[in-house]
Amino acid sequence: MHSRRFPLGYAPGGFDSFYWAEDAKPSFNFWIWLYRDGGIDEPNLTRRLAEAGELDALGQVPKRHPAHERWAEFVPVWESWKRQYVELQMEAPRNDSPAKLRQHYEAVAAVGLDAFRVEWVMAPIGEVWLLPPETAVLGFDAASEAERRQAVLHGARELRALSG
């Protein structure tokens, strides 16, 4: 049995085994925030995101990083960003027709991945970090709903290209 998350109004059809989930976890966002603030360089960011992805796949992502000296500084930034993220994510389905949501789902499913996870992070739209085989870490900030849909489709295509 596969877990599935379908857009509002979608009736499962030809994409039975496709699983797609979107989230915004503090562990991924902490490393992005630290990178943006100059606390780590690009190679360390990539390594930390990969580690967070591996832990997430095992269901072991820590809810916080109390051992890191900058965690307390990050928390208020994270809480504010997360509130805005939730508000925008809740508005999106209300602003789009079920047909548009279905069309988006079908476009992403047609890419051919069995599973696809999106981790939204506090980075500008268009920034992408790929964690093959199934996770795309995507920038969320200053993006319209249409831009976020395009980012999701782009992330799925990039992951598919990496998997051959």
Protein backbone atom coordinates (compact mmCIF):
# COMPACT_ATOMS: atom_id res chain seq x y z
CA MET A 1 0.00 0.00 0.00
CA HIS A 2 1.38 3.37 -0.99
CA SER A 3 0.69 6.58 0.87
CA ARG A 4 -0.60 9.29 -1.40
CA ARG A 5 -1.42 12.93 -1.02
CA PHE A 6 -3.66 14.19 -3.81
CA PRO A 7 -4.58 17.77 -4.58
CA LEU A 8 -8.12 18.77 -3.72
CA GLY A 9 -10.63 17.26 -6.13
CA TYR A 10 -8.28 14.73 -7.70
CA ALA A 11 -9.62 11.25 -8.32
CA PRO A 12 -6.83 8.66 -8.54
CA GLY A 13 -6.40 7.27 -12.03
CA GLY A 14 -3.32 6.22 -13.90
CA PHE A 15 -0.78 7.22 -11.26
CA ASP A 16 -1.63 4.63 -8.57
CA SER A 17 1.83 4.18 -7.14
CA PHE A 18 2.94 7.80 -7.12
CA TYR A 19 3.57 9.40 -3.72
CA TRP A 20 4.17 13.12 -3.35
CA ALA A 21 4.50 15.14 -0.16
CA GLU A 22 5.48 18.70 0.66
CA ASP A 23 6.76 19.97 3.98
CA ALA A 24 8.91 22.63 5.64
CA LYS A 25 10.97 21.12 8.43
CA PRO A 26 13.11 23.14 10.82
CA SER A 27 16.16 20.91 10.32
CA PHE A 28 16.41 21.75 6.61
CA ASN A 29 15.61 25.41 7.22
CA PHE A 30 18.17 25.77 9.99
CA TRP A 31 21.02 24.86 7.65
CA ILE A 32 19.71 27.18 4.92
CA TRP A 33 19.40 30.02 7.44
CA LEU A 34 22.90 29.37 8.76
CA TYR A 35 24.28 29.34 5.20
CA ARG A 36 22.51 32.62 4.35
CA ASP A 37 23.96 34.17 7.50
CA GLY A 38 27.51 33.08 6.60
CA GLY A 39 27.68 30.40 9.30
CA ILE A 40 28.55 27.57 6.88
CA ASP A 41 29.84 27.38 3.32
CA GLU A 42 28.21 25.73 0.30
CA PRO A 43 29.94 22.31 0.66
CA ASN A 44 28.92 22.11 4.33
CA LEU A 45 25.38 23.19 3.48
CA THR A 46 25.12 20.45 0.87
CA ARG A 47 26.45 17.87 3.35
CA ARG A 48 24.08 19.01 6.11
CA LEU A 49 21.05 18.93 3.79
CA ALA A 50 22.02 15.42 2.66
CA GLU A 51 22.31 14.32 6.31
CA ALA A 52 18.93 15.87 7.11
CA GLY A 53 17.45 14.08 4.08
CA GLU A 54 18.87 10.72 5.19
CA LEU A 55 17.53 11.18 8.73
CA ASP A 56 14.17 12.27 7.36
CA ALA A 57 13.92 9.16 5.18
CA LEU A 58 14.45 7.09 8.33
CA GLY A 59 11.89 9.14 10.28
CA GLN A 60 14.62 10.44 12.58
CA VAL A 61 14.76 14.17 11.81
CA PRO A 62 15.40 16.06 15.00
CA LYS A 63 12.83 18.72 15.80
CA ARG A 64 15.60 21.02 16.95
CA HIS A 65 19.38 21.31 17.16
CA PRO A 66 20.02 22.17 20.80
CA ALA A 67 23.73 21.36 20.50
CA HIS A 68 24.29 24.05 17.89
CA GLU A 69 25.18 27.40 19.44
CA ARG A 70 23.05 29.34 16.91
CA TRP A 71 19.82 27.36 17.37
CA ALA A 72 18.28 29.84 19.84
CA GLU A 73 18.97 32.69 17.41
CA PHE A 74 17.24 30.75 14.61
CA VAL A 75 14.04 29.85 16.50
CA PRO A 76 12.24 33.24 16.31
CA VAL A 77 13.15 33.59 12.62
CA TRP A 78 11.87 30.07 11.99
CA GLU A 79 8.61 30.60 13.89
CA SER A 80 7.82 33.77 11.95
CA TRP A 81 8.71 32.19 8.60
CA LYS A 82 6.72 29.03 9.38
CA ARG A 83 3.58 31.05 10.20
CA GLN A 84 3.80 32.80 6.85
CA TYR A 85 4.48 29.48 5.07
CA VAL A 86 1.41 27.86 6.64
CA GLU A 87 -0.83 30.82 5.77
CA LEU A 88 0.28 30.76 2.13
CA GLN A 89 -0.07 26.98 1.86
CA MET A 90 -3.60 27.12 3.28
CA GLU A 91 -4.63 29.90 0.90
CA ALA A 92 -3.33 28.20 -2.23
CA PRO A 93 -5.98 25.47 -2.67
CA ARG A 94 -8.74 28.05 -2.14
CA ASN A 95 -7.38 30.20 -4.95
CA ASP A 96 -7.07 27.46 -7.56
CA SER A 97 -9.71 25.39 -9.27
CA PRO A 98 -9.75 21.63 -8.78
CA ALA A 99 -9.03 21.30 -12.51
CA LYS A 100 -5.84 23.40 -12.19
CA LEU A 101 -4.70 21.39 -9.17
CA ARG A 102 -5.42 18.12 -10.99
CA GLN A 103 -3.47 19.34 -14.04
CA HIS A 104 -0.49 20.18 -11.81
CA TYR A 105 -0.61 16.82 -10.06
CA GLU A 106 -0.78 14.96 -13.36
CA ALA A 107 2.17 16.95 -14.76
CA VAL A 108 4.33 16.08 -11.73
CA ALA A 109 3.20 12.44 -11.72
CA ALA A 110 3.97 12.15 -15.44
CA VAL A 111 7.64 12.91 -14.73
CA GLY A 112 7.91 9.25 -13.74
CA LEU A 113 9.14 9.26 -10.14
CA ASP A 114 7.68 6.63 -7.80
CA ALA A 115 8.01 8.97 -4.83
CA PHE A 116 8.69 12.68 -4.59
CA ARG A 117 9.23 14.86 -1.55
CA VAL A 118 9.55 18.63 -1.49
CA GLU A 119 11.15 20.40 1.45
CA TRP A 120 10.35 24.10 1.30
CA VAL A 121 13.02 26.34 2.78
CA MET A 122 13.57 30.00 3.59
CA ALA A 123 15.42 30.80 0.38
CA PRO A 124 14.38 32.68 -2.75
CA ILE A 125 12.22 30.83 -5.25
CA GLY A 126 14.39 29.23 -7.89
CA GLU A 127 17.04 27.98 -5.49
CA VAL A 128 17.20 24.19 -5.58
CA TRP A 129 19.16 21.52 -3.75
CA LEU A 130 18.54 17.96 -4.91
CA LEU A 131 18.78 14.95 -2.61
CA PRO A 132 18.35 11.94 -4.90
CA PRO A 133 16.50 9.75 -5.31
CA GLU A 134 13.33 11.56 -4.21
CA THR A 135 13.82 14.86 -2.37
CA ALA A 136 14.04 18.38 -3.75
CA VAL A 137 14.83 21.19 -1.32
CA LEU A 138 13.23 24.27 -2.86
CA GLY A 139 13.30 27.97 -2.05
CA PHE A 140 9.87 29.29 -1.05
CA ASP A 141 10.34 32.99 -0.38
CA ALA A 142 8.70 35.69 -2.51
CA ALA A 143 6.98 33.13 -4.71
CA SER A 144 3.50 33.16 -6.13
CA GLU A 145 1.47 29.96 -6.12
CA ALA A 146 2.17 29.56 -9.86
CA GLU A 147 5.92 29.94 -9.24
CA ARG A 148 5.79 27.33 -6.47
CA ARG A 149 3.98 24.90 -8.79
CA GLN A 150 6.65 25.50 -11.45
CA ALA A 151 9.40 24.93 -8.85
CA VAL A 152 7.83 21.62 -7.82
CA LEU A 153 7.63 20.45 -11.43
CA HIS A 154 11.19 21.60 -12.10
CA GLY A 155 12.45 19.78 -8.97
CA ALA A 156 10.73 16.55 -10.04
CA ARG A 157 12.21 16.80 -13.54
CA GLU A 158 15.71 17.47 -12.19
CA LEU A 159 15.52 14.47 -9.85
CA ARG A 160 14.27 12.28 -12.70
CA ALA A 161 17.17 13.44 -14.89
CA LEU A 162 19.63 12.46 -12.16
CA SER A 163 18.13 9.00 -11.82
CA GLY A 164 18.49 8.32 -15.54
